[in-house]
């Protein structure tokens, strides 16, 4: 994913993650309402000047998994490689991938610069999924288009992909992980994620 979008990816990714406490009542609501109200909620958190970065990250750690379906996300990212893993390896990958996303984007919460997101449209997708289109409005910079793809589950709508200016989070990590899998195997990818997570590092800078 292009470097100039790191801040926006961070904002987009954490926007839904940080809204967990304020969105319990939204579980049976529309995907559009879930996205809009949770992005509104995150702005209040990110804009809190008296909250230290470490505290914001701690809040992310507490509720990071509230609105993402990481098992589906993991299946989409690994594609055909998912079936090559044992059930235990699949579980390990989901956990390490969740942690890796949190570490990768959560550490950049200090880059928030009064961005805000507004819903500009939505549409139905295949498999009964739904895409909610948003625009991240940035002071003194061009707006960025961010789409959230959601899937309805028993607990409500959950995100299975984030698309920044046409660049899919799923597709980006699928390409990145496929390089490792093709070279070293899927089991090695899990080990590498675990190693990087322990060090608080990303696979690629």
Protein backbone atom coordinates (compact mmCIF):
# COMPACT_ATOMS: atom_id res chain seq x y z
CA UNK A 1 0.00 0.00 0.00
CA UNK A 2 1.38 3.38 -0.98
CA UNK A 3 3.33 5.18 1.74
CA UNK A 4 1.44 8.44 1.33
CA UNK A 5 -1.68 6.66 2.50
CA UNK A 6 -0.24 5.36 5.79
CA UNK A 7 -1.99 8.02 7.87
CA UNK A 8 -5.29 7.49 6.10
CA UNK A 9 -5.02 3.71 6.41
CA UNK A 10 -4.37 4.15 10.11
CA UNK A 11 -7.38 6.44 10.45
CA UNK A 12 -9.60 4.15 8.40
CA UNK A 13 -8.50 1.00 10.17
CA UNK A 14 -8.74 2.40 13.68
CA UNK A 15 -11.97 4.27 13.04
CA UNK A 16 -14.06 1.14 13.39
CA UNK A 17 -11.77 -0.48 15.93
CA UNK A 18 -12.08 2.38 18.40
CA UNK A 19 -15.84 2.62 18.30
CA UNK A 20 -16.69 -0.61 20.09
CA UNK A 21 -17.94 0.77 23.38
CA UNK A 22 -20.20 3.29 21.71
CA UNK A 23 -21.74 0.97 19.15
CA UNK A 24 -23.28 -1.94 21.04
CA UNK A 25 -26.75 -0.77 20.02
CA UNK A 26 -25.70 -0.71 16.37
CA UNK A 27 -25.28 -4.49 16.08
CA UNK A 28 -28.64 -4.89 14.32
CA UNK A 29 -28.49 -1.57 12.51
CA UNK A 30 -27.62 -0.89 8.88
CA UNK A 31 -23.98 -1.14 7.70
CA UNK A 32 -24.09 2.56 6.81
CA UNK A 33 -25.12 3.52 10.33
CA UNK A 34 -22.44 1.29 11.82
CA UNK A 35 -19.71 2.91 9.75
CA UNK A 36 -20.87 6.51 10.19
CA UNK A 37 -21.52 6.37 13.91
CA UNK A 38 -18.34 4.48 14.72
CA UNK A 39 -16.17 6.81 12.65
CA UNK A 40 -17.81 9.71 14.46
CA UNK A 41 -16.96 8.04 17.75
CA UNK A 42 -13.31 7.55 16.87
CA UNK A 43 -12.85 11.20 16.00
CA UNK A 44 -13.74 12.08 19.58
CA UNK A 45 -11.11 9.64 20.87
CA UNK A 46 -8.36 10.61 18.45
CA UNK A 47 -8.98 14.31 19.03
CA UNK A 48 -8.70 13.99 22.80
CA UNK A 49 -5.66 16.16 23.55
CA UNK A 50 -5.39 15.05 27.16
CA UNK A 51 -5.10 11.39 26.20
CA UNK A 52 -1.54 10.18 25.69
CA UNK A 53 -0.65 8.09 22.66
CA UNK A 54 0.00 5.05 24.82
CA UNK A 55 -3.47 5.40 26.34
CA UNK A 56 -5.07 5.65 22.91
CA UNK A 57 -3.22 2.55 21.84
CA UNK A 58 -4.35 0.80 25.00
CA UNK A 59 -7.95 1.64 24.15
CA UNK A 60 -7.38 0.22 20.68
CA UNK A 61 -6.00 -2.96 22.21
CA UNK A 62 -9.13 -3.32 24.35
CA UNK A 63 -11.64 -3.03 21.50
CA UNK A 64 -9.63 -3.60 18.33
CA UNK A 65 -11.53 -6.74 17.37
CA UNK A 66 -15.06 -5.45 17.90
CA UNK A 67 -15.98 -4.70 14.28
CA UNK A 68 -13.74 -6.85 12.10
CA UNK A 69 -14.36 -10.45 11.09
CA UNK A 70 -10.76 -11.60 11.27
CA UNK A 71 -11.47 -15.21 10.38
CA UNK A 72 -13.10 -14.21 7.09
CA UNK A 73 -10.40 -11.58 6.56
CA UNK A 74 -7.74 -14.24 7.09
CA UNK A 75 -9.41 -16.64 4.66
CA UNK A 76 -9.59 -13.92 2.02
CA UNK A 77 -5.97 -12.92 2.55
CA UNK A 78 -4.60 -16.46 2.39
CA UNK A 79 -6.99 -17.54 -0.39
CA UNK A 80 -6.23 -21.13 -1.47
CA UNK A 81 -3.42 -21.36 1.10
CA UNK A 82 -5.97 -21.32 3.94
CA UNK A 83 -6.92 -24.96 3.28
CA UNK A 84 -3.27 -26.01 3.45
CA UNK A 85 -3.16 -25.10 7.13
CA UNK A 86 -4.28 -27.39 9.93
CA UNK A 87 -7.11 -26.12 12.19
CA UNK A 88 -4.50 -25.25 14.81
CA UNK A 89 -2.43 -23.33 12.26
CA UNK A 90 -5.50 -21.51 10.99
CA UNK A 91 -6.31 -20.38 14.52
CA UNK A 92 -2.72 -19.29 15.07
CA UNK A 93 -2.69 -17.32 11.83
CA UNK A 94 -5.90 -15.47 12.68
CA UNK A 95 -4.53 -14.47 16.08
CA UNK A 96 -1.13 -13.38 14.75
CA UNK A 97 -2.67 -11.51 11.82
CA UNK A 98 -5.04 -9.66 14.15
CA UNK A 99 -2.14 -8.68 16.35
CA UNK A 100 -0.03 -7.67 13.36
CA UNK A 101 -2.71 -5.33 12.03
CA UNK A 102 -3.15 -3.79 15.45
CA UNK A 103 0.59 -3.23 15.85
CA UNK A 104 1.07 -1.98 12.30
CA UNK A 105 -1.66 0.63 12.33
CA UNK A 106 -2.29 1.20 16.03
CA UNK A 107 1.19 2.62 16.57
CA UNK A 108 0.38 5.44 14.14
CA UNK A 109 -2.53 6.95 16.05
CA UNK A 110 -0.37 9.98 16.81
CA UNK A 111 -0.49 10.88 13.11
CA UNK A 112 -4.12 11.93 13.45
CA UNK A 113 -4.49 15.51 12.20
CA UNK A 114 -8.16 16.45 12.56
CA UNK A 115 -9.33 14.08 9.82
CA UNK A 116 -12.98 13.15 9.78
CA UNK A 117 -14.97 10.67 7.75
CA UNK A 118 -18.36 11.10 6.12
CA UNK A 119 -20.46 8.47 4.37
CA UNK A 120 -21.01 9.35 0.71
CA UNK A 121 -22.80 6.24 -0.51
CA UNK A 122 -23.32 2.50 -0.20
CA UNK A 123 -24.18 -0.49 -2.33
CA UNK A 124 -25.07 -4.16 -2.12
CA UNK A 125 -22.39 -6.70 -3.06
CA UNK A 126 -22.24 -10.41 -3.85
CA UNK A 127 -22.70 -12.89 -0.99
CA UNK A 128 -25.06 -10.41 0.69
CA UNK A 129 -22.09 -8.20 1.62
CA UNK A 130 -22.40 -4.43 1.69
CA UNK A 131 -19.95 -1.68 0.79
CA UNK A 132 -20.12 1.65 2.59
CA UNK A 133 -18.29 4.42 0.76
CA UNK A 134 -16.73 7.17 2.85
CA UNK A 135 -14.57 10.20 2.31
CA UNK A 136 -11.82 11.11 4.76
CA UNK A 137 -11.67 14.88 4.88
CA UNK A 138 -8.19 16.16 5.68
CA UNK A 139 -7.19 19.74 6.55
CA UNK A 140 -4.91 21.27 3.91
CA UNK A 141 -4.78 18.07 1.88
CA UNK A 142 -6.83 16.22 -0.70
CA UNK A 143 -9.73 14.12 0.53
CA UNK A 144 -9.24 10.34 0.44
CA UNK A 145 -11.89 7.81 -0.53
CA UNK A 146 -12.23 4.86 1.83
CA UNK A 147 -14.65 1.99 1.28
CA UNK A 148 -15.59 -0.55 3.95
CA UNK A 149 -16.89 -3.95 2.91
CA UNK A 150 -19.09 -5.51 5.58
CA UNK A 151 -20.77 -8.88 6.04
CA UNK A 152 -23.84 -9.57 8.18
CA UNK A 153 -23.32 -11.99 11.04
CA UNK A 154 -25.37 -13.04 14.04
CA UNK A 155 -23.80 -10.25 16.10
CA UNK A 156 -24.33 -7.68 13.34
CA UNK A 157 -22.38 -6.18 10.47
CA UNK A 158 -18.63 -6.74 10.55
CA UNK A 159 -15.86 -5.45 8.29
CA UNK A 160 -14.09 -7.91 5.99
CA UNK A 161 -12.05 -5.45 3.91
CA UNK A 162 -11.00 -1.80 3.75
CA UNK A 163 -10.28 -0.21 0.38
CA UNK A 164 -8.20 2.98 0.32
CA UNK A 165 -8.38 4.86 -2.99
CA UNK A 166 -9.04 1.57 -4.75
CA UNK A 167 -6.30 -0.35 -2.91
CA UNK A 168 -7.72 -3.29 -0.94
CA UNK A 169 -6.28 -4.19 2.46
CA UNK A 170 -7.02 -7.83 1.66
CA UNK A 171 -5.37 -7.72 -1.76
CA UNK A 172 -2.35 -5.86 -0.37
CA UNK A 173 -1.65 -8.42 2.35
CA UNK A 174 -2.51 -11.34 0.05
CA UNK A 175 0.24 -10.24 -2.34
CA UNK A 176 2.69 -9.61 0.48
CA UNK A 177 2.00 -12.94 2.21
CA UNK A 178 2.00 -14.91 -1.04
CA UNK A 179 5.62 -13.95 -1.62
CA UNK A 180 6.54 -15.46 1.73
CA UNK A 181 4.36 -18.55 1.30
CA UNK A 182 5.72 -19.26 -2.18
CA UNK A 183 9.26 -19.06 -0.86
CA UNK A 184 9.01 -20.61 2.60
CA UNK A 185 5.53 -22.07 3.08
CA UNK A 186 2.44 -21.00 5.02
CA UNK A 187 3.72 -22.33 8.35
CA UNK A 188 6.78 -20.10 8.04
CA UNK A 189 4.50 -17.09 7.53
CA UNK A 190 2.90 -17.74 10.91
CA UNK A 191 6.31 -18.00 12.55
CA UNK A 192 7.43 -14.78 10.89
CA UNK A 193 4.31 -12.91 11.99
CA UNK A 194 4.79 -14.17 15.53
CA UNK A 195 8.42 -13.04 15.50
CA UNK A 196 7.60 -9.59 14.11
CA UNK A 197 4.73 -9.14 16.53
CA UNK A 198 6.98 -9.95 19.48
CA UNK A 199 9.33 -7.20 18.31
CA UNK A 200 6.53 -4.77 17.46
CA UNK A 201 7.70 -4.64 13.83
CA UNK A 202 5.92 -4.69 10.49
CA UNK A 203 6.82 -7.22 7.81
CA UNK A 204 7.64 -4.33 5.49
CA UNK A 205 8.29 -0.69 6.30
